């Protein structure tokens, strides 16, 4: 047994993600899942290469826009 908290690797090789405040399930829940799965979350969309959930800002060709179901 380990005293370390569990941290998976499902999203470990994915780029930084931004989770929209309009997401359902709530943003905090989705961010928690990403962190537990080894992913990284940004608080600002311009620092992310993947945006999860509804996004009304200007879309860039270099960013992937995915639904919450992807997580």
C-alpha atoms as a PDB file:
ATOM      1  CA  UNK A   1       0.000   0.000   0.000  1.00  0.00           C
ATOM      2  CA  UNK A   2       1.086   3.539  -0.690  1.00  0.00           C
ATOM      3  CA  UNK A   3       0.500   6.710   1.281  1.00  0.00           C
ATOM      4  CA  UNK A   4       0.501   8.609  -2.017  1.00  0.00           C
ATOM      5  CA  UNK A   5      -2.890   9.617  -3.452  1.00  0.00           C
ATOM      6  CA  UNK A   6      -3.958   7.719  -6.574  1.00  0.00           C
ATOM      7  CA  UNK A   7      -3.004   9.307  -9.880  1.00  0.00           C
ATOM      8  CA  UNK A   8      -3.852   7.549 -13.113  1.00  0.00           C
ATOM      9  CA  UNK A   9      -2.207   7.981 -16.491  1.00  0.00           C
ATOM     10  CA  UNK A  10      -5.149   8.081 -18.926  1.00  0.00           C
ATOM     11  CA  UNK A  11      -4.614  11.775 -19.782  1.00  0.00           C
ATOM     12  CA  UNK A  12      -0.899  11.951 -18.904  1.00  0.00           C
ATOM     13  CA  UNK A  13       0.183  12.217 -22.543  1.00  0.00           C
ATOM     14  CA  UNK A  14      -2.508  14.752 -23.505  1.00  0.00           C
ATOM     15  CA  UNK A  15      -1.851  18.487 -23.885  1.00  0.00           C
ATOM     16  CA  UNK A  16      -3.114  21.048 -21.377  1.00  0.00           C
ATOM     17  CA  UNK A  17      -6.915  21.244 -21.197  1.00  0.00           C
ATOM     18  CA  UNK A  18      -9.351  24.029 -20.351  1.00  0.00           C
ATOM     19  CA  UNK A  19     -12.749  23.064 -18.936  1.00  0.00           C
ATOM     20  CA  UNK A  20     -15.514  25.560 -19.716  1.00  0.00           C
ATOM     21  CA  UNK A  21     -17.352  27.127 -16.753  1.00  0.00           C
ATOM     22  CA  UNK A  22     -20.605  26.224 -18.582  1.00  0.00           C
ATOM     23  CA  UNK A  23     -19.770  22.505 -18.524  1.00  0.00           C
ATOM     24  CA  UNK A  24     -22.188  19.884 -17.277  1.00  0.00           C
ATOM     25  CA  UNK A  25     -21.150  17.993 -15.089  1.00  0.00           C
ATOM     26  CA  UNK A  26     -19.756  20.962 -13.163  1.00  0.00           C
ATOM     27  CA  UNK A  27     -16.298  22.289 -14.018  1.00  0.00           C
ATOM     28  CA  UNK A  28     -14.821  21.313 -10.643  1.00  0.00           C
ATOM     29  CA  UNK A  29     -15.889  17.687 -11.113  1.00  0.00           C
ATOM     30  CA  UNK A  30     -14.440  17.453 -14.623  1.00  0.00           C
ATOM     31  CA  UNK A  31     -11.181  19.156 -13.572  1.00  0.00           C
ATOM     32  CA  UNK A  32     -10.908  16.677 -10.704  1.00  0.00           C
ATOM     33  CA  UNK A  33     -11.305  13.741 -13.096  1.00  0.00           C
ATOM     34  CA  UNK A  34      -8.663  15.144 -15.440  1.00  0.00           C
ATOM     35  CA  UNK A  35      -6.211  15.625 -12.547  1.00  0.00           C
ATOM     36  CA  UNK A  36      -6.877  12.137 -11.151  1.00  0.00           C
ATOM     37  CA  UNK A  37      -6.211  10.728 -14.607  1.00  0.00           C
ATOM     38  CA  UNK A  38      -2.821  12.424 -14.931  1.00  0.00           C
ATOM     39  CA  UNK A  39      -3.959  15.376 -17.028  1.00  0.00           C
ATOM     40  CA  UNK A  40      -3.201  19.069 -16.714  1.00  0.00           C
ATOM     41  CA  UNK A  41      -5.852  21.811 -16.591  1.00  0.00           C
ATOM     42  CA  UNK A  42      -5.413  25.510 -17.322  1.00  0.00           C
ATOM     43  CA  UNK A  43      -7.608  28.218 -15.828  1.00  0.00           C
ATOM     44  CA  UNK A  44      -7.458  30.209 -19.087  1.00  0.00           C
ATOM     45  CA  UNK A  45      -8.415  28.925 -22.551  1.00  0.00           C
ATOM     46  CA  UNK A  46      -5.514  30.544 -24.434  1.00  0.00           C
ATOM     47  CA  UNK A  47      -3.041  28.295 -22.569  1.00  0.00           C
ATOM     48  CA  UNK A  48      -4.864  25.091 -23.540  1.00  0.00           C
ATOM     49  CA  UNK A  49      -4.686  22.874 -26.613  1.00  0.00           C
ATOM     50  CA  UNK A  50      -7.955  21.107 -25.761  1.00  0.00           C
ATOM     51  CA  UNK A  51     -11.130  22.917 -24.680  1.00  0.00           C
ATOM     52  CA  UNK A  52     -13.833  20.843 -23.022  1.00  0.00           C
ATOM     53  CA  UNK A  53     -17.479  21.910 -23.044  1.00  0.00           C
ATOM     54  CA  UNK A  54     -19.338  24.921 -24.467  1.00  0.00           C
ATOM     55  CA  UNK A  55     -17.029  27.677 -25.704  1.00  0.00           C
ATOM     56  CA  UNK A  56     -18.193  30.945 -27.282  1.00  0.00           C
ATOM     57  CA  UNK A  57     -14.790  32.583 -27.790  1.00  0.00           C
ATOM     58  CA  UNK A  58     -12.889  32.831 -31.050  1.00  0.00           C
ATOM     59  CA  UNK A  59     -11.926  29.335 -32.179  1.00  0.00           C
ATOM     60  CA  UNK A  60      -8.409  28.525 -33.347  1.00  0.00           C
ATOM     61  CA  UNK A  61      -7.467  25.797 -35.833  1.00  0.00           C
ATOM     62  CA  UNK A  62      -4.713  24.526 -33.510  1.00  0.00           C
ATOM     63  CA  UNK A  63      -7.110  23.818 -30.618  1.00  0.00           C
ATOM     64  CA  UNK A  64      -9.413  20.793 -30.264  1.00  0.00           C
ATOM     65  CA  UNK A  65     -12.941  21.601 -29.043  1.00  0.00           C
ATOM     66  CA  UNK A  66     -14.556  18.574 -27.403  1.00  0.00           C
ATOM     67  CA  UNK A  67     -17.742  17.822 -25.489  1.00  0.00           C
ATOM     68  CA  UNK A  68     -17.754  16.862 -21.836  1.00  0.00           C
ATOM     69  CA  UNK A  69     -18.617  13.299 -22.904  1.00  0.00           C
ATOM     70  CA  UNK A  70     -15.039  12.950 -24.138  1.00  0.00           C
ATOM     71  CA  UNK A  71     -13.851  12.879 -20.512  1.00  0.00           C
END
